Amino acid sequence: MQPWVYIVLVGAVAIVYALRLPVRAKDESADRQSLKETEAALELYMADIERDHDNMLQLVGSIKQQSTNNRAALQEEIAGLKEQVAELQKNSMLLDARLTAEEKSLLQLSAAFGKGNAAVSPATGQNMHTESVIDAPVPKPKPVSSIKQRYPRLFELHEEGKSIDSIAKTAGLQRGEVQLILQLAKQEESV
């Protein structure tokens, strides 16, 4: 090959290389621009995450404060209810004592009236002689009727295994009334 061909080939390679240099420079500047945009987007994303984190911390703090306030209010309410229960127990004991005193005074009155010629029997309403009143032991008053006798349908449904709600609907009572009647029947059975 002739030397001028070598010179043309080297020149052609130099021209192609020269044309490629600006493309590389453009690619690198585009890469740098893209990198800057990515960094800016990442910084915005991190700022959003930090702001959301701060908001979450404030929300958790407010929930914790509200929970503490609710707990304190509930403890105060429980303390008040305990005081009411203690007062009700005290009143119940006083009423029991008064009832016992009234029963004693009624027994004394019946004994005092029994010293007369005749007394009226509370059960029959007939006159009784004093000897029978004094000698006879004073019967304890019996309950008018048991709770099961007053609500037979309710206990029949309960024995069938019906729920309290269905018993309340069938009997036309409130749910709380049905629960109370069932509890009273249990207490009556235990006595």
N, C-alpha and C. Protein backbone atom coordinates (compact mmCIF):
# COMPACT_ATOMS: atom_id res chain seq x y z
N MET A 1 0.80 -1.16 0.00
CA MET A 1 0.00 0.00 0.00
C MET A 1 0.86 1.24 0.00
N GLN A 2 0.24 2.17 -0.53
CA GLN A 2 0.98 3.40 -0.74
C GLN A 2 0.88 4.28 0.52
N PRO A 3 1.87 5.13 0.74
CA PRO A 3 1.89 5.92 1.96
C PRO A 3 0.73 6.91 2.02
N TRP A 4 0.25 7.38 0.93
CA TRP A 4 -0.85 8.35 1.01
C TRP A 4 -2.13 7.71 1.55
N VAL A 5 -2.30 6.36 1.33
CA VAL A 5 -3.47 5.64 1.85
C VAL A 5 -3.39 5.62 3.39
N TYR A 6 -2.16 5.44 3.90
CA TYR A 6 -2.02 5.43 5.36
C TYR A 6 -2.38 6.78 5.94
N ILE A 7 -2.00 7.79 5.24
CA ILE A 7 -2.27 9.14 5.73
C ILE A 7 -3.78 9.39 5.69
N VAL A 8 -4.47 8.96 4.68
CA VAL A 8 -5.92 9.15 4.56
C VAL A 8 -6.62 8.35 5.67
N LEU A 9 -6.15 7.13 5.91
CA LEU A 9 -6.78 6.31 6.96
C LEU A 9 -6.59 6.95 8.34
N VAL A 10 -5.41 7.42 8.62
CA VAL A 10 -5.15 8.07 9.91
C VAL A 10 -5.99 9.33 10.02
N GLY A 11 -6.12 10.07 8.95
CA GLY A 11 -6.94 11.28 8.95
C GLY A 11 -8.41 10.95 9.21
N ALA A 12 -8.90 9.89 8.55
CA ALA A 12 -10.29 9.49 8.74
C ALA A 12 -10.54 9.09 10.19
N VAL A 13 -9.61 8.35 10.80
CA VAL A 13 -9.77 7.93 12.21
C VAL A 13 -9.77 9.17 13.09
N ALA A 14 -8.91 10.16 12.77
CA ALA A 14 -8.84 11.38 13.57
C ALA A 14 -10.14 12.15 13.46
N ILE A 15 -10.73 12.20 12.27
CA ILE A 15 -12.00 12.92 12.08
C ILE A 15 -13.12 12.23 12.86
N VAL A 16 -13.18 10.91 12.78
CA VAL A 16 -14.22 10.17 13.52
C VAL A 16 -14.05 10.37 15.01
N TYR A 17 -12.79 10.34 15.48
CA TYR A 17 -12.52 10.54 16.90
C TYR A 17 -12.93 11.94 17.32
N ALA A 18 -12.64 12.93 16.48
CA ALA A 18 -12.99 14.31 16.78
C ALA A 18 -14.50 14.48 16.84
N LEU A 19 -15.22 13.80 15.97
CA LEU A 19 -16.68 13.89 15.99
C LEU A 19 -17.27 13.20 17.25
N ARG A 20 -16.61 12.19 17.71
CA ARG A 20 -17.09 11.45 18.88
C ARG A 20 -16.86 12.21 20.18
N LEU A 21 -15.86 13.05 20.24
CA LEU A 21 -15.57 13.78 21.48
C LEU A 21 -16.75 14.64 21.94
N PRO A 22 -17.37 15.44 21.10
CA PRO A 22 -18.49 16.25 21.59
C PRO A 22 -19.66 15.38 22.07
N VAL A 23 -19.88 14.21 21.44
CA VAL A 23 -20.97 13.33 21.86
C VAL A 23 -20.70 12.81 23.27
N ARG A 24 -19.41 12.45 23.52
CA ARG A 24 -19.05 11.99 24.86
C ARG A 24 -19.25 13.11 25.87
N ALA A 25 -18.86 14.28 25.53
CA ALA A 25 -19.00 15.42 26.42
C ALA A 25 -20.47 15.68 26.70
N LYS A 26 -21.30 15.56 25.66
CA LYS A 26 -22.75 15.74 25.85
C LYS A 26 -23.31 14.64 26.75
N ASP A 27 -22.87 13.39 26.55
CA ASP A 27 -23.34 12.27 27.38
C ASP A 27 -22.95 12.47 28.83
N GLU A 28 -21.70 12.93 29.07
CA GLU A 28 -21.25 13.14 30.44
C GLU A 28 -22.01 14.28 31.08
N SER A 29 -22.28 15.35 30.34
CA SER A 29 -23.05 16.46 30.92
C SER A 29 -24.49 16.03 31.18
N ALA A 30 -25.04 15.17 30.31
CA ALA A 30 -26.39 14.65 30.54
C ALA A 30 -26.40 13.75 31.77
N ASP A 31 -25.35 12.95 31.95
CA ASP A 31 -25.25 12.08 33.13
C ASP A 31 -25.14 12.92 34.40
N ARG A 32 -24.32 14.00 34.31
CA ARG A 32 -24.18 14.88 35.47
C ARG A 32 -25.51 15.55 35.81
N GLN A 33 -26.23 15.98 34.79
CA GLN A 33 -27.53 16.63 34.99
C GLN A 33 -28.51 15.64 35.62
N SER A 34 -28.51 14.43 35.10
CA SER A 34 -29.39 13.39 35.62
C SER A 34 -29.05 13.08 37.07
N LEU A 35 -27.76 13.00 37.39
CA LEU A 35 -27.31 12.75 38.75
C LEU A 35 -27.76 13.87 39.68
N LYS A 36 -27.64 15.13 39.23
CA LYS A 36 -28.08 16.27 40.04
C LYS A 36 -29.59 16.22 40.29
N GLU A 37 -30.35 15.87 39.26
CA GLU A 37 -31.81 15.77 39.41
C GLU A 37 -32.17 14.65 40.39
N THR A 38 -31.45 13.53 40.29
CA THR A 38 -31.71 12.41 41.20
C THR A 38 -31.39 12.80 42.64
N GLU A 39 -30.26 13.51 42.84
CA GLU A 39 -29.90 13.97 44.18
C GLU A 39 -30.95 14.93 44.72
N ALA A 40 -31.44 15.84 43.87
CA ALA A 40 -32.46 16.80 44.30
C ALA A 40 -33.75 16.07 44.68
N ALA A 41 -34.14 15.08 43.86
CA ALA A 41 -35.36 14.32 44.17
C ALA A 41 -35.18 13.55 45.47
N LEU A 42 -34.00 12.97 45.68
CA LEU A 42 -33.72 12.23 46.90
C LEU A 42 -33.77 13.14 48.12
N GLU A 43 -33.23 14.35 48.00
CA GLU A 43 -33.28 15.30 49.10
C GLU A 43 -34.71 15.69 49.43
N LEU A 44 -35.54 15.91 48.41
CA LEU A 44 -36.96 16.22 48.64
C LEU A 44 -37.66 15.05 49.34
N TYR A 45 -37.35 13.84 48.88
CA TYR A 45 -37.96 12.65 49.48
C TYR A 45 -37.55 12.52 50.95
N MET A 46 -36.29 12.74 51.25
CA MET A 46 -35.81 12.68 52.64
C MET A 46 -36.46 13.75 53.49
N ALA A 47 -36.64 14.95 52.93
CA ALA A 47 -37.31 16.03 53.66
C ALA A 47 -38.76 15.64 53.96
N ASP A 48 -39.45 15.03 53.00
CA ASP A 48 -40.83 14.57 53.22
C ASP A 48 -40.88 13.51 54.30
N ILE A 49 -39.94 12.58 54.25
CA ILE A 49 -39.91 11.51 55.25
C ILE A 49 -39.66 12.10 56.64
N GLU A 50 -38.77 13.04 56.74
CA GLU A 50 -38.47 13.66 58.03
C GLU A 50 -39.68 14.42 58.56
N ARG A 51 -40.38 15.14 57.67
CA ARG A 51 -41.58 15.87 58.08
C ARG A 51 -42.67 14.90 58.54
N ASP A 52 -42.84 13.80 57.82
CA ASP A 52 -43.82 12.79 58.23
C ASP A 52 -43.44 12.16 59.56
N HIS A 53 -42.14 11.96 59.76
CA HIS A 53 -41.66 11.39 61.02
C HIS A 53 -41.97 12.32 62.18
N ASP A 54 -41.74 13.62 61.99
CA ASP A 54 -42.04 14.61 63.03
C ASP A 54 -43.54 14.63 63.33
N ASN A 55 -44.36 14.59 62.27
CA ASN A 55 -45.82 14.55 62.47
C ASN A 55 -46.24 13.30 63.23
N MET A 56 -45.63 12.18 62.91
CA MET A 56 -45.95 10.92 63.59
C MET A 56 -45.57 11.00 65.07
N LEU A 57 -44.41 11.58 65.37
CA LEU A 57 -44.00 11.73 66.76
C LEU A 57 -44.97 12.62 67.53
N GLN A 58 -45.43 13.70 66.90
CA GLN A 58 -46.41 14.57 67.56
C GLN A 58 -47.72 13.84 67.81
N LEU A 59 -48.15 13.06 66.83
CA LEU A 59 -49.39 12.31 66.97
C LEU A 59 -49.28 11.28 68.09
N VAL A 60 -48.17 10.55 68.14
CA VAL A 60 -47.97 9.56 69.20
C VAL A 60 -47.92 10.24 70.55
N GLY A 61 -47.27 11.40 70.62
CA GLY A 61 -47.21 12.15 71.88
C GLY A 61 -48.60 12.59 72.34
N SER A 62 -49.41 13.06 71.40
CA SER A 62 -50.76 13.50 71.78
C SER A 62 -51.63 12.32 72.20
N ILE A 63 -51.46 11.18 71.53
CA ILE A 63 -52.22 9.99 71.91
C ILE A 63 -51.81 9.53 73.31
N LYS A 64 -50.51 9.57 73.58
CA LYS A 64 -50.02 9.17 74.90
C LYS A 64 -50.57 10.10 75.98
N GLN A 65 -50.58 11.40 75.70
CA GLN A 65 -51.11 12.37 76.67
C GLN A 65 -52.60 12.13 76.90
N GLN A 66 -53.34 11.89 75.83
CA GLN A 66 -54.77 11.63 75.94
C GLN A 66 -55.02 10.35 76.74
N SER A 67 -54.22 9.33 76.50
CA SER A 67 -54.35 8.08 77.24
C SER A 67 -54.09 8.30 78.73
N THR A 68 -53.08 9.08 79.04
CA THR A 68 -52.77 9.39 80.44
C THR A 68 -53.93 10.14 81.09
N ASN A 69 -54.50 11.10 80.37
CA ASN A 69 -55.63 11.86 80.91
C ASN A 69 -56.84 10.96 81.12
N ASN A 70 -57.11 10.08 80.15
CA ASN A 70 -58.24 9.15 80.28
C ASN A 70 -58.04 8.22 81.47
N ARG A 71 -56.82 7.72 81.64
CA ARG A 71 -56.54 6.82 82.76
C ARG A 71 -56.77 7.53 84.08
N ALA A 72 -56.31 8.79 84.18
CA ALA A 72 -56.49 9.55 85.42
C ALA A 72 -57.98 9.78 85.69
N ALA A 73 -58.73 10.10 84.64
CA ALA A 73 -60.18 10.31 84.82
C ALA A 73 -60.87 9.03 85.26
N LEU A 74 -60.47 7.90 84.67
CA LEU A 74 -61.07 6.62 85.06
C LEU A 74 -60.72 6.26 86.50
N GLN A 75 -59.50 6.54 86.92
CA GLN A 75 -59.12 6.24 88.29
C GLN A 75 -59.90 7.10 89.28
N GLU A 76 -60.13 8.36 88.91
CA GLU A 76 -60.95 9.23 89.76
C GLU A 76 -62.38 8.70 89.84
N GLU A 77 -62.91 8.27 88.71
CA GLU A 77 -64.27 7.73 88.68
C GLU A 77 -64.36 6.45 89.51
N ILE A 78 -63.35 5.60 89.41
CA ILE A 78 -63.34 4.36 90.20
C ILE A 78 -63.29 4.69 91.68
N ALA A 79 -62.47 5.66 92.05
CA ALA A 79 -62.39 6.06 93.46
C ALA A 79 -63.75 6.55 93.95
N GLY A 80 -64.43 7.36 93.13
CA GLY A 80 -65.77 7.84 93.50
C GLY A 80 -66.76 6.69 93.64
N LEU A 81 -66.68 5.73 92.72
CA LEU A 81 -67.59 4.59 92.79
C LEU A 81 -67.30 3.73 94.03
N LYS A 82 -66.02 3.59 94.39
CA LYS A 82 -65.67 2.83 95.60
C LYS A 82 -66.25 3.51 96.83
N GLU A 83 -66.19 4.84 96.85
CA GLU A 83 -66.77 5.58 97.97
C GLU A 83 -68.28 5.36 98.03
N GLN A 84 -68.93 5.38 96.87
CA GLN A 84 -70.38 5.16 96.85
C GLN A 84 -70.72 3.76 97.32
N VAL A 85 -69.94 2.76 96.90
CA VAL A 85 -70.20 1.38 97.33
C VAL A 85 -70.03 1.28 98.83
N ALA A 86 -68.98 1.89 99.38
CA ALA A 86 -68.77 1.85 100.83
C ALA A 86 -69.94 2.51 101.56
N GLU A 87 -70.41 3.63 101.02
CA GLU A 87 -71.54 4.33 101.64
C GLU A 87 -72.81 3.48 101.56
N LEU A 88 -73.02 2.84 100.41
CA LEU A 88 -74.20 1.98 100.27
C LEU A 88 -74.13 0.78 101.21
N GLN A 89 -72.94 0.21 101.39
CA GLN A 89 -72.80 -0.90 102.34
C GLN A 89 -73.10 -0.44 103.76
N LYS A 90 -72.61 0.75 104.09
CA LYS A 90 -72.87 1.30 105.41
C LYS A 90 -74.37 1.52 105.61
N ASN A 91 -75.03 2.10 104.58
CA ASN A 91 -76.48 2.32 104.67
C ASN A 91 -77.23 1.00 104.77
N SER A 92 -76.76 -0.01 104.04
CA SER A 92 -77.40 -1.32 104.09
C SER A 92 -77.29 -1.92 105.48
N MET A 93 -76.12 -1.78 106.10
CA MET A 93 -75.97 -2.31 107.46
C MET A 93 -76.86 -1.56 108.43
N LEU A 94 -76.96 -0.23 108.26
CA LEU A 94 -77.85 0.55 109.13
C LEU A 94 -79.31 0.14 108.94
N LEU A 95 -79.70 -0.08 107.69
CA LEU A 95 -81.08 -0.50 107.44
C LEU A 95 -81.35 -1.89 108.01
N ASP A 96 -80.37 -2.80 107.91
CA ASP A 96 -80.53 -4.12 108.51
C ASP A 96 -80.69 -4.01 110.02
N ALA A 97 -79.90 -3.14 110.64
CA ALA A 97 -79.99 -2.94 112.09
C ALA A 97 -81.36 -2.36 112.46
N ARG A 98 -81.83 -1.40 111.66
CA ARG A 98 -83.15 -0.82 111.94
C ARG A 98 -84.25 -1.86 111.76
N LEU A 99 -84.11 -2.69 110.73
CA LEU A 99 -85.10 -3.73 110.49
C LEU A 99 -85.14 -4.71 111.65
N THR A 100 -83.98 -5.09 112.13
CA THR A 100 -83.91 -6.00 113.28
C THR A 100 -84.55 -5.35 114.50
N ALA A 101 -84.27 -4.07 114.72
CA ALA A 101 -84.86 -3.36 115.85
C ALA A 101 -86.39 -3.29 115.70
N GLU A 102 -86.86 -3.03 114.49
CA GLU A 102 -88.31 -2.97 114.25
C GLU A 102 -88.95 -4.34 114.50
N GLU A 103 -88.28 -5.41 114.06
CA GLU A 103 -88.82 -6.75 114.31
C GLU A 103 -88.90 -7.04 115.79
N LYS A 104 -87.88 -6.63 116.54
CA LYS A 104 -87.89 -6.83 117.99
C LYS A 104 -89.03 -6.04 118.62
N SER A 105 -89.20 -4.80 118.17
CA SER A 105 -90.28 -3.98 118.76
C SER A 105 -91.64 -4.56 118.40
N LEU A 106 -91.80 -5.12 117.20
CA LEU A 106 -93.05 -5.76 116.83
C LEU A 106 -93.31 -6.99 117.69
N LEU A 107 -92.27 -7.76 117.96
CA LEU A 107 -92.42 -8.92 118.85
C LEU A 107 -92.83 -8.47 120.25
N GLN A 108 -92.21 -7.39 120.75
CA GLN A 108 -92.58 -6.89 122.07
C GLN A 108 -94.02 -6.38 122.07
N LEU A 109 -94.42 -5.69 120.99
CA LEU A 109 -95.80 -5.21 120.91
C LEU A 109 -96.79 -6.37 120.86
N SER A 110 -96.43 -7.40 120.07
CA SER A 110 -97.35 -8.55 120.01
C SER A 110 -97.41 -9.26 121.35
N ALA A 111 -96.32 -9.29 122.08
CA ALA A 111 -96.33 -9.89 123.42
C ALA A 111 -97.15 -9.03 124.37
N ALA A 112 -97.05 -7.70 124.25
CA ALA A 112 -97.81 -6.80 125.11
C ALA A 112 -99.30 -6.90 124.80
N PHE A 113 -99.66 -6.99 123.52
CA PHE A 113 -101.07 -7.13 123.17
C PHE A 113 -101.55 -8.53 123.52
N GLY A 114 -100.66 -9.47 123.56
CA GLY A 114 -101.03 -10.85 123.89
C GLY A 114 -101.45 -11.01 125.34
N LYS A 115 -101.13 -10.07 126.21
CA LYS A 115 -101.49 -10.15 127.62
C LYS A 115 -102.97 -9.82 127.84
N GLY A 116 -103.61 -9.24 126.85
CA GLY A 116 -105.04 -8.93 126.96
C GLY A 116 -105.86 -10.20 126.85
N ASN A 117 -107.18 -10.10 126.87
CA ASN A 117 -108.07 -11.26 126.80
C ASN A 117 -108.02 -11.94 125.45
N ALA A 118 -108.00 -11.17 124.42
CA ALA A 118 -108.02 -11.79 123.09
C ALA A 118 -107.13 -10.98 122.16
N ALA A 119 -106.58 -11.70 121.20
CA ALA A 119 -105.75 -11.04 120.19
C ALA A 119 -106.20 -11.52 118.83
N VAL A 120 -105.93 -10.72 117.82
CA VAL A 120 -106.33 -11.08 116.47
C VAL A 120 -105.14 -11.75 115.79
N SER A 121 -105.38 -12.90 115.23
CA SER A 121 -104.31 -13.61 114.51
C SER A 121 -104.02 -12.90 113.20
N PRO A 122 -102.75 -12.59 112.92
CA PRO A 122 -102.44 -11.90 111.68
C PRO A 122 -102.68 -12.77 110.45
N ALA A 123 -102.57 -14.06 110.59
CA ALA A 123 -102.72 -14.95 109.44
C ALA A 123 -104.19 -15.15 109.08
N THR A 124 -105.07 -15.37 110.11
CA THR A 124 -106.46 -15.69 109.82
C THR A 124 -107.40 -14.53 110.03
N GLY A 125 -106.98 -13.56 110.85
CA GLY A 125 -107.86 -12.43 111.13
C GLY A 125 -108.91 -12.79 112.17
N GLN A 126 -108.80 -13.96 112.86
CA GLN A 126 -109.76 -14.39 113.87
C GLN A 126 -109.20 -14.12 115.26
N ASN A 127 -110.09 -14.05 116.22
CA ASN A 127 -109.68 -13.82 117.59
C ASN A 127 -108.99 -15.06 118.13
N MET A 128 -107.94 -14.85 118.93
CA MET A 128 -107.24 -15.96 119.57
C MET A 128 -107.20 -15.68 121.06
N HIS A 129 -107.15 -16.72 121.85
CA HIS A 129 -107.02 -16.53 123.30
C HIS A 129 -105.59 -16.23 123.64
N THR A 130 -105.39 -15.57 124.77
CA THR A 130 -104.05 -15.12 125.15
C THR A 130 -103.11 -16.28 125.39
N GLU A 131 -103.62 -17.38 125.88
CA GLU A 131 -102.74 -18.49 126.18
C GLU A 131 -102.09 -19.00 124.89
N SER A 132 -102.86 -19.07 123.82
CA SER A 132 -102.30 -19.60 122.57
C SER A 132 -101.31 -18.62 121.96
N VAL A 133 -101.50 -17.32 122.18
CA VAL A 133 -100.59 -16.33 121.63
C VAL A 133 -99.26 -16.37 122.40
N ILE A 134 -99.35 -16.49 123.69
CA ILE A 134 -98.13 -16.47 124.49
C ILE A 134 -97.36 -17.77 124.31
N ASP A 135 -98.05 -18.89 124.29
CA ASP A 135 -97.39 -20.17 124.22
C ASP A 135 -96.87 -20.49 122.81
N ALA A 136 -97.53 -19.99 121.81
CA ALA A 136 -97.15 -20.33 120.43
C ALA A 136 -95.90 -19.56 120.03
N PRO A 137 -94.98 -20.27 119.36
CA PRO A 137 -93.81 -19.53 118.86
C PRO A 137 -94.22 -18.59 117.73
N VAL A 138 -93.52 -17.48 117.65
CA VAL A 138 -93.84 -16.50 116.62
C VAL A 138 -93.24 -17.00 115.30
N PRO A 139 -94.12 -17.23 114.30
CA PRO A 139 -93.59 -17.74 113.02
C PRO A 139 -92.88 -16.62 112.25
N LYS A 140 -91.86 -17.02 111.54
CA LYS A 140 -91.17 -16.05 110.68
C LYS A 140 -92.06 -15.80 109.47
N PRO A 141 -92.14 -14.55 109.03
CA PRO A 141 -92.97 -14.29 107.85
C PRO A 141 -92.36 -14.97 106.63
N LYS A 142 -93.21 -15.68 105.91
CA LYS A 142 -92.75 -16.36 104.70
C LYS A 142 -92.88 -15.41 103.53
N PRO A 143 -92.01 -15.58 102.54
CA PRO A 143 -92.17 -14.73 101.36
C PRO A 143 -93.51 -15.02 100.69
N VAL A 144 -94.07 -13.99 100.09
CA VAL A 144 -95.37 -14.12 99.45
C VAL A 144 -95.34 -15.27 98.45
N SER A 145 -94.38 -15.30 97.63
CA SER A 145 -94.18 -16.41 96.70
C SER A 145 -92.75 -16.34 96.20
N SER A 146 -92.25 -17.46 95.76
CA SER A 146 -90.88 -17.45 95.26
C SER A 146 -90.85 -16.74 93.90
N ILE A 147 -89.67 -16.34 93.54
CA ILE A 147 -89.51 -15.61 92.29
C ILE A 147 -89.81 -16.51 91.09
N LYS A 148 -89.55 -17.80 91.26
CA LYS A 148 -89.84 -18.74 90.18
C LYS A 148 -91.35 -18.87 89.96
N GLN A 149 -92.13 -18.70 91.03
CA GLN A 149 -93.59 -18.77 90.88
C GLN A 149 -94.13 -17.51 90.21
N ARG A 150 -93.43 -16.39 90.39
CA ARG A 150 -93.89 -15.14 89.79
C ARG A 150 -93.56 -15.05 88.31
N TYR A 151 -92.47 -15.71 87.88
CA TYR A 151 -92.04 -15.65 86.49
C TYR A 151 -91.83 -17.06 85.93
N PRO A 152 -92.87 -17.87 85.85
CA PRO A 152 -92.67 -19.26 85.41
C PRO A 152 -92.22 -19.35 83.95
N ARG A 153 -92.76 -18.53 83.10
CA ARG A 153 -92.40 -18.60 81.68
C ARG A 153 -90.92 -18.25 81.47
N LEU A 154 -90.44 -17.27 82.22
CA LEU A 154 -89.06 -16.85 82.12
C LEU A 154 -88.12 -18.00 82.49
N PHE A 155 -88.42 -18.69 83.58
CA PHE A 155 -87.55 -19.79 84.01
C PHE A 155 -87.70 -21.01 83.10
N GLU A 156 -88.88 -21.17 82.52
CA GLU A 156 -89.07 -22.26 81.56
C GLU A 156 -88.18 -22.03 80.34
N LEU A 157 -88.15 -20.79 79.84
CA LEU A 157 -87.29 -20.47 78.69
C LEU A 157 -85.81 -20.60 79.05
N HIS A 158 -85.47 -20.21 80.28
CA HIS A 158 -84.08 -20.31 80.73
C HIS A 158 -83.64 -21.76 80.81
N GLU A 159 -84.51 -22.62 81.30
CA GLU A 159 -84.18 -24.05 81.40
C GLU A 159 -84.08 -24.69 80.03
N GLU A 160 -84.76 -24.12 79.03
CA GLU A 160 -84.66 -24.64 77.66
C GLU A 160 -83.34 -24.21 77.02
N GLY A 161 -82.58 -23.35 77.69
CA GLY A 161 -81.28 -22.94 77.17
C GLY A 161 -81.35 -21.70 76.29
N LYS A 162 -82.43 -20.96 76.36
CA LYS A 162 -82.56 -19.75 75.54
C LYS A 162 -81.63 -18.66 76.08
N SER A 163 -81.20 -17.78 75.19
CA SER A 163 -80.32 -16.69 75.61
C SER A 163 -81.14 -15.63 76.36
N ILE A 164 -80.42 -14.79 77.08
CA ILE A 164 -81.08 -13.74 77.88
C ILE A 164 -81.83 -12.78 76.95
N ASP A 165 -81.24 -12.47 75.80
CA ASP A 165 -81.90 -11.56 74.85
C ASP A 165 -83.21 -12.15 74.33
N SER A 166 -83.20 -13.45 73.99
CA SER A 166 -84.42 -14.05 73.47
C SER A 166 -85.47 -14.18 74.57
N ILE A 167 -85.03 -14.45 75.80
CA ILE A 167 -85.98 -14.51 76.92
C ILE A 167 -86.61 -13.14 77.13
N ALA A 168 -85.78 -12.08 77.05
CA ALA A 168 -86.28 -10.72 77.24
C ALA A 168 -87.32 -10.37 76.18
N LYS A 169 -87.06 -10.75 74.92
CA LYS A 169 -88.02 -10.46 73.85
C LYS A 169 -89.32 -11.23 74.07
N THR A 170 -89.21 -12.51 74.39
CA THR A 170 -90.40 -13.34 74.57
C THR A 170 -91.23 -12.88 75.76
N ALA A 171 -90.56 -12.57 76.88
CA ALA A 171 -91.27 -12.20 78.10
C ALA A 171 -91.69 -10.73 78.10
N GLY A 172 -91.15 -9.94 77.16
CA GLY A 172 -91.51 -8.53 77.12
C GLY A 172 -90.84 -7.72 78.22
N LEU A 173 -89.65 -8.14 78.61
CA LEU A 173 -88.90 -7.46 79.66
C LEU A 173 -87.61 -6.90 79.10
N GLN A 174 -86.96 -6.06 79.87
CA GLN A 174 -85.65 -5.55 79.50
C GLN A 174 -84.60 -6.62 79.80
N ARG A 175 -83.48 -6.55 79.10
CA ARG A 175 -82.40 -7.53 79.29
C ARG A 175 -81.90 -7.50 80.74
N GLY A 176 -81.74 -6.32 81.30
CA GLY A 176 -81.27 -6.17 82.68
C GLY A 176 -82.24 -6.76 83.68
N GLU A 177 -83.54 -6.62 83.41
CA GLU A 177 -84.55 -7.20 84.31
C GLU A 177 -84.43 -8.72 84.33
N VAL A 178 -84.24 -9.31 83.14
CA VAL A 178 -84.11 -10.77 83.07
C VAL A 178 -82.89 -11.22 83.85
N GLN A 179 -81.77 -10.51 83.69
CA GLN A 179 -80.56 -10.87 84.41
C GLN A 179 -80.78 -10.75 85.92
N LEU A 180 -81.45 -9.69 86.34
CA LEU A 180 -81.71 -9.48 87.76
C LEU A 180 -82.60 -10.59 88.33
N ILE A 181 -83.64 -10.96 87.60
CA ILE A 181 -84.55 -12.02 88.07
C ILE A 181 -83.80 -13.33 88.20
N LEU A 182 -82.95 -13.64 87.23
CA LEU A 182 -82.18 -14.90 87.29
C LEU A 182 -81.21 -14.88 88.48
N GLN A 183 -80.59 -13.72 88.73
CA GLN A 183 -79.68 -13.62 89.87
C GLN A 183 -80.43 -13.74 91.19
N LEU A 184 -81.60 -13.13 91.27
CA LEU A 184 -82.41 -13.23 92.49
C LEU A 184 -82.84 -14.67 92.75
N ALA A 185 -83.15 -15.39 91.66
CA ALA A 185 -83.54 -16.79 91.82
C ALA A 185 -82.38 -17.61 92.34
N LYS A 186 -81.17 -17.33 91.87
CA LYS A 186 -79.99 -18.05 92.37
C LYS A 186 -79.79 -17.76 93.85
N GLN A 187 -79.95 -16.50 94.24
CA GLN A 187 -79.79 -16.13 95.65
C GLN A 187 -80.88 -16.80 96.49
N GLU A 188 -82.09 -16.85 95.96
CA GLU A 188 -83.21 -17.46 96.68
C GLU A 188 -82.96 -18.95 96.90
N GLU A 189 -82.38 -19.61 95.88
CA GLU A 189 -82.08 -21.02 96.01
C GLU A 189 -80.99 -21.28 97.02
N SER A 190 -80.00 -20.36 97.10
CA SER A 190 -78.89 -20.57 98.03
C SER A 190 -79.29 -20.34 99.47
N VAL A 191 -80.38 -19.59 99.69
CA VAL A 191 -80.86 -19.33 101.07
C VAL A 191 -81.71 -20.43 101.49
